[in-house]
Amino acid sequence: MKINNYMLQLSFLIIIIFGGTFVIHLIKTGEFLLDQIIGFSVGILILFFTLIWRKSSKLS
């Protein structure tokens, strides 16, 4: 179960770093950064699948 907590921490860290950079750059220049959007999306996907994994491991 420890790996699940590490995956949650990793996903939140990715979301904060890439999402924060995206928002700051969007406010300052008005441009969308594709690499930041991709990084943010990867963080969301990791979070989503980690939560599914946690729920399924609690059921069994």
N, C-alpha and C. Protein backbone atom coordinates (compact mmCIF):
# COMPACT_ATOMS: atom_id res chain seq x y z
N MET A 1 0.82 -1.20 0.00
CA MET A 1 0.00 0.00 0.00
C MET A 1 0.87 1.27 0.00
N LYS A 2 2.14 1.11 0.32
CA LYS A 2 3.03 2.26 0.35
C LYS A 2 3.22 2.87 -1.04
N ILE A 3 3.28 2.01 -2.05
CA ILE A 3 3.48 2.50 -3.41
C ILE A 3 2.30 3.36 -3.85
N ASN A 4 1.11 3.04 -3.36
CA ASN A 4 -0.07 3.81 -3.70
C ASN A 4 0.05 5.23 -3.16
N ASN A 5 0.54 5.37 -1.94
CA ASN A 5 0.73 6.72 -1.37
C ASN A 5 1.78 7.49 -2.15
N TYR A 6 2.85 6.82 -2.56
CA TYR A 6 3.88 7.49 -3.36
C TYR A 6 3.32 7.94 -4.71
N MET A 7 2.47 7.13 -5.30
CA MET A 7 1.88 7.51 -6.58
C MET A 7 0.95 8.71 -6.42
N LEU A 8 0.19 8.75 -5.31
CA LEU A 8 -0.66 9.91 -5.05
C LEU A 8 0.18 11.18 -4.87
N GLN A 9 1.25 11.08 -4.10
CA GLN A 9 2.13 12.23 -3.90
C GLN A 9 2.76 12.68 -5.22
N LEU A 10 3.18 11.72 -6.02
CA LEU A 10 3.78 12.05 -7.32
C LEU A 10 2.77 12.76 -8.22
N SER A 11 1.54 12.25 -8.26
CA SER A 11 0.54 12.87 -9.13
C SER A 11 0.21 14.29 -8.67
N PHE A 12 0.09 14.51 -7.37
CA PHE A 12 -0.18 15.86 -6.88
C PHE A 12 0.99 16.79 -7.18
N LEU A 13 2.21 16.29 -7.04
CA LEU A 13 3.38 17.10 -7.33
C LEU A 13 3.43 17.49 -8.81
N ILE A 14 3.14 16.53 -9.68
CA ILE A 14 3.13 16.81 -11.13
C ILE A 14 2.04 17.84 -11.46
N ILE A 15 0.86 17.67 -10.86
CA ILE A 15 -0.24 18.60 -11.12
C ILE A 15 0.11 20.00 -10.65
N ILE A 16 0.72 20.11 -9.46
CA ILE A 16 1.08 21.43 -8.93
C ILE A 16 2.15 22.09 -9.78
N ILE A 17 3.19 21.34 -10.14
CA ILE A 17 4.29 21.93 -10.91
C ILE A 17 3.84 22.35 -12.30
N PHE A 18 3.28 21.41 -13.06
CA PHE A 18 2.91 21.72 -14.44
C PHE A 18 1.69 22.63 -14.52
N GLY A 19 0.71 22.41 -13.65
CA GLY A 19 -0.47 23.27 -13.64
C GLY A 19 -0.15 24.68 -13.21
N GLY A 20 0.70 24.81 -12.19
CA GLY A 20 1.10 26.13 -11.73
C GLY A 20 1.87 26.90 -12.77
N THR A 21 2.81 26.22 -13.41
CA THR A 21 3.58 26.87 -14.48
C THR A 21 2.68 27.29 -15.63
N PHE A 22 1.73 26.44 -15.97
CA PHE A 22 0.79 26.74 -17.04
C PHE A 22 -0.03 27.99 -16.71
N VAL A 23 -0.57 28.04 -15.50
CA VAL A 23 -1.42 29.17 -15.11
C VAL A 23 -0.61 30.46 -15.04
N ILE A 24 0.58 30.39 -14.46
CA ILE A 24 1.42 31.60 -14.36
C ILE A 24 1.77 32.13 -15.75
N HIS A 25 2.17 31.24 -16.64
CA HIS A 25 2.54 31.68 -17.99
C HIS A 25 1.32 32.17 -18.76
N LEU A 26 0.17 31.55 -18.55
CA LEU A 26 -1.06 31.98 -19.22
C LEU A 26 -1.46 33.38 -18.77
N ILE A 27 -1.32 33.66 -17.48
CA ILE A 27 -1.68 34.98 -16.97
C ILE A 27 -0.70 36.05 -17.46
N LYS A 28 0.59 35.71 -17.47
CA LYS A 28 1.60 36.70 -17.85
C LYS A 28 1.58 37.02 -19.34
N THR A 29 1.46 36.00 -20.20
CA THR A 29 1.59 36.23 -21.64
C THR A 29 0.32 35.93 -22.43
N GLY A 30 -0.59 35.16 -21.88
CA GLY A 30 -1.79 34.80 -22.61
C GLY A 30 -1.59 33.65 -23.58
N GLU A 31 -0.45 32.96 -23.48
CA GLU A 31 -0.15 31.85 -24.39
C GLU A 31 -0.37 30.52 -23.68
N PHE A 32 -0.84 29.55 -24.45
CA PHE A 32 -0.98 28.19 -23.94
C PHE A 32 0.31 27.42 -24.21
N LEU A 33 0.84 26.79 -23.20
CA LEU A 33 2.04 25.97 -23.36
C LEU A 33 1.63 24.51 -23.47
N LEU A 34 1.85 23.92 -24.63
CA LEU A 34 1.41 22.56 -24.87
C LEU A 34 2.13 21.57 -23.95
N ASP A 35 3.41 21.76 -23.71
CA ASP A 35 4.13 20.82 -22.85
C ASP A 35 3.61 20.86 -21.42
N GLN A 36 3.19 22.02 -20.95
CA GLN A 36 2.64 22.11 -19.60
C GLN A 36 1.26 21.46 -19.53
N ILE A 37 0.47 21.60 -20.59
CA ILE A 37 -0.84 20.96 -20.63
C ILE A 37 -0.69 19.44 -20.63
N ILE A 38 0.28 18.94 -21.39
CA ILE A 38 0.53 17.49 -21.43
C ILE A 38 0.98 16.99 -20.07
N GLY A 39 1.89 17.71 -19.42
CA GLY A 39 2.35 17.32 -18.09
C GLY A 39 1.22 17.32 -17.08
N PHE A 40 0.38 18.33 -17.11
CA PHE A 40 -0.78 18.41 -16.22
C PHE A 40 -1.73 17.24 -16.47
N SER A 41 -1.95 16.90 -17.75
CA SER A 41 -2.83 15.78 -18.10
C SER A 41 -2.28 14.45 -17.60
N VAL A 42 -0.97 14.27 -17.70
CA VAL A 42 -0.34 13.05 -17.19
C VAL A 42 -0.54 12.96 -15.68
N GLY A 43 -0.40 14.06 -14.97
CA GLY A 43 -0.64 14.08 -13.53
C GLY A 43 -2.07 13.70 -13.18
N ILE A 44 -3.02 14.22 -13.94
CA ILE A 44 -4.43 13.88 -13.72
C ILE A 44 -4.67 12.40 -13.97
N LEU A 45 -4.08 11.85 -15.05
CA LEU A 45 -4.25 10.43 -15.35
C LEU A 45 -3.65 9.55 -14.26
N ILE A 46 -2.46 9.90 -13.78
CA ILE A 46 -1.84 9.12 -12.70
C ILE A 46 -2.73 9.16 -11.46
N LEU A 47 -3.26 10.33 -11.13
CA LEU A 47 -4.15 10.47 -9.98
C LEU A 47 -5.39 9.61 -10.15
N PHE A 48 -6.00 9.66 -11.32
CA PHE A 48 -7.22 8.90 -11.60
C PHE A 48 -6.99 7.40 -11.45
N PHE A 49 -5.93 6.89 -12.08
CA PHE A 49 -5.67 5.46 -12.02
C PHE A 49 -5.21 5.01 -10.64
N THR A 50 -4.52 5.88 -9.90
CA THR A 50 -4.11 5.53 -8.54
C THR A 50 -5.32 5.43 -7.63
N LEU A 51 -6.28 6.33 -7.79
CA LEU A 51 -7.49 6.25 -6.98
C LEU A 51 -8.31 5.01 -7.31
N ILE A 52 -8.37 4.63 -8.58
CA ILE A 52 -9.05 3.39 -8.96
C ILE A 52 -8.33 2.19 -8.36
N TRP A 53 -7.00 2.20 -8.43
CA TRP A 53 -6.19 1.11 -7.88
C TRP A 53 -6.41 0.99 -6.37
N ARG A 54 -6.45 2.13 -5.68
CA ARG A 54 -6.66 2.13 -4.23
C ARG A 54 -8.03 1.56 -3.89
N LYS A 55 -9.06 1.96 -4.64
CA LYS A 55 -10.42 1.49 -4.37
C LYS A 55 -10.54 -0.01 -4.63
N SER A 56 -9.93 -0.49 -5.71
CA SER A 56 -10.03 -1.92 -6.03
C SER A 56 -9.23 -2.77 -5.05
N SER A 57 -8.13 -2.25 -4.51
CA SER A 57 -7.35 -3.03 -3.55
C SER A 57 -8.03 -3.07 -2.19
N LYS A 58 -8.84 -2.08 -1.86
CA LYS A 58 -9.59 -2.10 -0.61
C LYS A 58 -10.75 -3.10 -0.68
N LEU A 59 -11.30 -3.30 -1.88
CA LEU A 59 -12.42 -4.23 -2.03
C LEU A 59 -11.99 -5.68 -1.90
N SER A 60 -10.77 -5.99 -2.29
CA SER A 60 -10.33 -7.39 -2.24
C SER A 60 -9.62 -7.73 -0.95
